[in-house]
Protein backbone atom coordinates (compact mmCIF):
# COMPACT_ATOMS: atom_id res chain seq x y z
CA MET A 1 -10.93 26.25 19.70
CA SER A 2 -14.45 25.20 20.05
CA GLY A 3 -15.31 21.63 21.17
CA GLY A 4 -16.23 20.95 17.30
CA ASP A 5 -12.81 21.57 16.14
CA LEU A 6 -10.99 18.59 17.69
CA ILE A 7 -12.81 15.64 16.48
CA SER A 8 -15.48 14.92 13.44
CA ILE A 9 -17.91 11.92 13.31
CA GLN A 10 -19.12 9.96 10.65
CA PRO A 11 -21.54 9.07 10.48
CA SER A 12 -23.86 11.83 12.05
CA GLU A 13 -26.63 9.96 12.72
CA LEU A 14 -26.66 6.39 14.59
CA LYS A 15 -28.70 3.91 11.87
CA PHE A 16 -29.63 0.07 12.97
CA PRO A 17 -31.58 -2.32 10.85
CA PHE A 18 -34.26 -3.49 12.96
CA GLU A 19 -35.29 -6.66 13.17
CA LEU A 20 -36.56 -8.48 16.00
CA ASN A 21 -35.17 -11.03 18.35
CA LYS A 22 -32.17 -10.38 16.70
CA GLN A 23 -29.21 -7.42 17.55
CA SER A 24 -27.61 -4.83 14.94
CA SER A 25 -24.78 -2.96 15.29
CA CYS A 26 -23.28 0.65 13.53
CA PRO A 27 -19.69 1.31 13.40
CA LEU A 28 -18.89 5.05 14.14
CA GLN A 29 -15.20 6.61 13.01
CA LEU A 30 -13.72 9.75 15.21
CA ALA A 31 -11.14 11.31 13.12
CA ASN A 32 -8.66 13.75 15.06
CA LYS A 33 -8.46 16.98 13.18
CA THR A 34 -5.69 18.58 15.25
CA ASP A 35 -2.10 17.92 16.40
CA GLN A 36 -3.24 17.08 20.25
CA TYR A 37 -4.34 14.23 22.20
CA VAL A 38 -7.63 14.43 22.24
CA ALA A 39 -10.13 12.16 24.76
CA PHE A 40 -13.46 10.92 23.80
CA LYS A 41 -16.71 9.74 26.30
CA VAL A 42 -19.58 8.03 24.52
CA LYS A 43 -22.76 8.46 26.73
CA THR A 44 -26.65 7.25 26.15
CA THR A 45 -29.89 7.37 27.48
CA ASN A 46 -30.35 3.84 27.24
CA PRO A 47 -27.19 1.93 28.84
CA LYS A 48 -28.76 -1.15 28.96
CA LYS A 49 -30.04 -1.51 25.65
CA TYR A 50 -26.62 -0.49 23.71
CA CYS A 51 -23.13 -1.89 24.30
CA VAL A 52 -20.68 1.02 23.20
CA ARG A 53 -16.36 -0.80 22.80
CA PRO A 54 -15.28 1.78 23.43
CA ASN A 55 -16.76 4.15 24.88
CA THR A 56 -13.70 6.17 26.19
CA GLY A 57 -10.30 6.62 24.52
CA ILE A 58 -7.45 8.46 22.88
CA VAL A 59 -7.35 9.75 19.61
CA LEU A 60 -3.72 10.43 18.67
CA PRO A 61 -3.10 13.46 16.52
CA GLY A 62 -4.30 13.43 12.73
CA SER A 63 -5.59 9.69 13.07
CA THR A 64 -9.00 7.98 13.74
CA CYS A 65 -10.32 5.67 16.26
CA ASP A 66 -13.71 3.54 15.25
CA VAL A 67 -16.23 2.61 17.85
CA THR A 68 -18.52 0.28 17.49
CA VAL A 69 -22.51 0.73 18.88
CA THR A 70 -24.59 -2.67 19.22
CA MET A 71 -28.48 -2.69 19.94
CA GLN A 72 -29.09 -5.77 21.74
CA ALA A 73 -31.99 -7.83 20.58
CA GLN A 74 -35.55 -6.76 20.47
CA LYS A 75 -38.39 -8.50 21.25
CA VAL A 76 -41.30 -5.77 20.74
CA ALA A 77 -40.60 -3.14 17.38
CA PRO A 78 -41.67 0.43 18.80
CA PRO A 79 -44.68 2.36 17.22
CA ASP A 80 -44.00 3.73 13.61
CA MET A 81 -40.31 2.65 14.14
CA GLU A 82 -39.71 5.27 16.26
CA CYS A 83 -36.62 5.86 18.64
CA LYS A 84 -36.21 8.03 21.07
CA ASP A 85 -32.82 7.12 22.46
CA LYS A 86 -29.89 9.20 22.47
CA PHE A 87 -26.18 9.14 22.09
CA LEU A 88 -23.92 12.17 23.62
CA LEU A 89 -20.08 12.02 22.30
CA GLN A 90 -17.86 14.15 24.91
CA THR A 91 -14.47 15.12 23.44
CA VAL A 92 -11.38 16.88 25.44
CA ALA A 93 -8.00 17.92 24.76
CA ALA A 94 -6.15 15.30 26.78
CA PRO A 95 -2.20 16.19 28.05
CA PRO A 96 0.76 14.53 25.59
CA GLY A 97 1.07 10.84 25.27
CA ALA A 98 -1.79 9.90 27.44
CA THR A 99 -3.78 6.93 27.06
CA THR A 100 -7.17 5.76 27.86
CA LYS A 101 -6.23 4.91 31.51
CA ASP A 102 -5.64 8.21 32.08
CA ILE A 103 -9.01 9.68 31.29
CA THR A 104 -11.29 10.66 34.07
CA PRO A 105 -15.42 11.72 34.71
CA GLU A 106 -13.40 14.72 35.73
CA MET A 107 -11.41 15.20 32.41
CA PHE A 108 -14.74 16.16 31.01
CA ASN A 109 -16.47 18.92 33.53
CA LYS A 110 -16.69 22.20 32.46
CA GLU A 111 -14.91 24.59 33.62
CA ALA A 112 -13.54 27.46 33.30
CA GLY A 113 -11.06 27.81 30.42
CA LYS A 114 -11.28 24.06 29.41
CA VAL A 115 -13.32 22.93 25.99
CA VAL A 116 -15.60 20.40 25.74
CA GLY A 117 -16.78 19.17 22.59
CA GLU A 118 -20.36 17.56 22.96
CA PHE A 119 -21.94 16.10 19.90
CA LYS A 120 -25.66 14.63 20.04
CA LEU A 121 -26.23 11.29 17.81
CA ARG A 122 -29.69 10.26 17.01
CA VAL A 123 -31.01 6.87 16.71
CA ILE A 124 -32.91 5.86 13.53
CA TYR A 125 -34.21 1.94 13.23
CA VAL A 126 -34.31 1.11 9.42
CA PRO A 127 -36.30 -1.88 8.20
CA ALA A 128 -33.60 -5.38 7.87
CA ASN A 129 -35.66 -6.35 4.79
CA PRO A 130 -37.47 -3.00 2.90
CA PRO A 131 -40.63 -3.34 1.31
CA SER A 132 -40.39 -3.70 -2.69
CA PRO A 133 -40.28 -0.64 -4.58
CA VAL A 134 -43.47 0.32 -5.79
CA PRO A 135 -44.03 -0.32 -9.99
CA GLU A 136 -44.28 2.28 -11.91
CA GLY A 137 -47.36 3.53 -12.99
CA SER A 138 -48.87 3.15 -9.59
CA GLU A 139 -47.25 6.08 -7.48
CA GLU A 140 -49.89 9.00 -5.90
CA GLY A 141 -51.93 10.38 -7.80
CA SER A 142 -52.47 8.30 -10.76
CA SER A 143 -56.41 7.30 -11.08
CA PRO A 144 -58.13 4.00 -10.02
CA ARG A 145 -59.51 3.93 -13.52
CA ALA A 146 -55.55 4.05 -14.98
CA SER A 147 -54.98 1.24 -12.65
CA VAL A 148 -57.56 -0.91 -13.80
CA VAL A 149 -56.92 -0.73 -17.15
CA GLU A 150 -53.37 -1.01 -16.31
CA ASN A 151 -54.71 -4.64 -14.30
CA GLY A 152 -56.72 -5.61 -17.50
CA ASN A 153 -53.46 -4.76 -20.07
CA GLN A 154 -51.94 -7.32 -17.71
CA SER A 155 -54.38 -10.04 -17.63
CA ASN A 156 -54.79 -10.22 -21.07
CA VAL A 157 -50.73 -10.30 -21.42
CA LEU A 158 -50.83 -13.11 -19.25
CA PHE A 159 -53.56 -14.62 -21.00
CA ASP A 160 -52.10 -14.24 -24.48
CA ALA A 161 -48.46 -15.53 -22.96
CA ILE A 162 -50.48 -18.60 -21.84
CA SER A 163 -52.32 -18.94 -24.53
CA ARG A 164 -48.81 -18.74 -26.69
CA SER A 165 -47.45 -21.41 -24.59
CA GLY A 166 -50.22 -23.90 -24.96
CA LEU A 167 -50.12 -23.77 -28.50
CA GLU A 168 -46.21 -24.18 -28.37
CA ALA A 169 -46.66 -27.31 -26.29
CA ASN A 170 -49.46 -28.61 -28.73
CA HIS A 171 -47.03 -28.34 -31.79
CA THR A 172 -44.15 -29.44 -29.95
CA ARG A 173 -46.11 -32.68 -28.83
CA SER A 174 -47.55 -33.02 -32.03
CA ILE A 175 -44.15 -32.62 -33.41
CA GLU A 176 -42.45 -35.41 -30.51
CA GLU A 177 -45.29 -38.13 -31.44
CA PRO A 178 -44.11 -38.91 -35.02
CA LYS A 179 -40.81 -39.42 -33.57
CA ASP A 180 -42.24 -41.63 -30.78
CA LYS A 181 -44.19 -43.80 -33.25
CA SER A 182 -41.24 -43.99 -35.35
CA SER A 183 -38.86 -44.81 -32.72
CA GLU A 184 -41.39 -47.86 -31.34
CA ALA A 185 -41.96 -48.61 -35.21
CA ARG A 186 -38.21 -49.67 -35.16
CA SER A 187 -37.85 -51.18 -31.96
CA ILE A 188 -40.86 -53.48 -33.32
CA ILE A 189 -39.33 -54.22 -36.03
CA SER A 190 -36.11 -55.10 -34.76
CA LYS A 191 -37.44 -57.50 -32.22
CA LEU A 192 -38.92 -59.03 -35.03
CA THR A 193 -36.02 -59.61 -36.74
CA GLU A 194 -34.27 -61.03 -33.65
CA GLU A 195 -36.92 -63.82 -33.03
CA LYS A 196 -36.88 -64.64 -36.98
CA THR A 197 -33.26 -65.01 -36.96
CA ALA A 198 -33.49 -66.94 -33.67
CA ALA A 199 -36.15 -69.29 -35.37
CA MET A 200 -34.15 -70.14 -38.42
CA GLN A 201 -31.28 -71.25 -35.75
CA LYS A 202 -33.30 -73.11 -34.64
CA ASN A 203 -34.91 -74.78 -37.49
CA GLN A 204 -31.64 -75.54 -39.13
CA LYS A 205 -30.53 -77.18 -35.92
CA LEU A 206 -33.72 -79.45 -35.81
CA ARG A 207 -32.73 -80.73 -39.05
CA GLN A 208 -29.58 -81.02 -38.55
CA GLU A 209 -30.86 -83.91 -35.62
CA LEU A 210 -33.37 -85.57 -37.97
CA GLU A 211 -31.22 -86.28 -40.66
CA LEU A 212 -28.67 -87.62 -37.89
CA MET A 213 -31.84 -89.91 -36.88
CA ARG A 214 -32.53 -90.50 -40.08
CA THR A 215 -28.78 -92.04 -40.45
CA GLU A 216 -29.13 -93.77 -37.39
CA ILE A 217 -32.02 -95.78 -38.38
CA SER A 218 -30.93 -96.78 -41.61
CA LYS A 219 -27.84 -97.92 -40.38
CA ASN A 220 -30.34 -99.92 -37.96
CA ARG A 221 -32.27 -101.65 -40.66
CA ALA A 222 -29.16 -102.11 -42.77
CA GLY A 223 -27.80 -104.33 -39.61
CA GLY A 224 -31.06 -105.91 -38.93
CA PHE A 225 -32.21 -107.08 -42.40
CA SER A 226 -28.68 -108.90 -42.96
CA PHE A 227 -29.24 -111.08 -39.31
CA LEU A 228 -32.56 -111.64 -40.44
CA PHE A 229 -31.37 -113.13 -43.63
CA VAL A 230 -28.45 -115.26 -41.41
CA VAL A 231 -31.34 -116.29 -39.02
CA LEU A 232 -33.82 -117.41 -41.80
CA VAL A 233 -31.13 -118.91 -44.01
CA SER A 234 -30.03 -121.61 -40.78
CA LEU A 235 -33.67 -121.62 -39.99
CA LEU A 236 -33.61 -122.94 -43.82
CA GLY A 237 -30.86 -125.46 -43.14
CA VAL A 238 -32.07 -126.77 -40.45
CA LEU A 239 -35.32 -127.77 -42.00
CA VAL A 240 -33.89 -128.89 -45.06
CA GLY A 241 -31.21 -131.32 -43.01
CA TYR A 242 -34.17 -133.00 -41.39
CA LEU A 243 -36.47 -133.38 -44.39
CA PHE A 244 -33.31 -135.17 -45.84
CA LYS A 245 -33.18 -137.32 -42.47
CA LYS A 246 -36.53 -138.24 -42.40
CA THR A 247 -36.27 -139.59 -45.86
């Protein structure tokens, strides 16, 4: 049995979304294709840059094991986003019932009669914010004249859209203006009606007060005439009595 017959790996490449000053991760799944216990170990050419959890372990017969490779935050982007880092996954058949504690570096030494599988994984950086797709008609091979014509058509379409928008806005404004004037006229009429009603009520109140004053004046005049008449009669009586005494 060859080393490649022990375990299958998905994916076959380590793709990391690359963004400055931000770490990223890539998952791996190891599937045991045999009825044996399989030990594995992960190595990298740049151990300070990556963290592998777990970096060693046992995959049970017919089962899978998940491995996560994390790239530390990078301060500088590599030229052309190319990475030369490599990973090596080693596998070997382990004794039945073996655990991670039973794994030793010597288990992966290539010796006569021992099958050690080795899988090389390369690292690929994927932009975290990929550029927007190229619009149709601007692919490579299109003539500059065609691009100019398309740009001109786009400008005309944009101008027509703006013009239509302006016309629609003016039409809407012309429709709304009479509505605004009608609403303003109704508001003025309502205000004048309220003022007229208030003036009529005030006028009626003034008339009532004037009538009351006239009544009071009439009473006062009647009372004053009677008193004056009595005084005049009294004075006349006194004068007549005085004349009689003199005669």
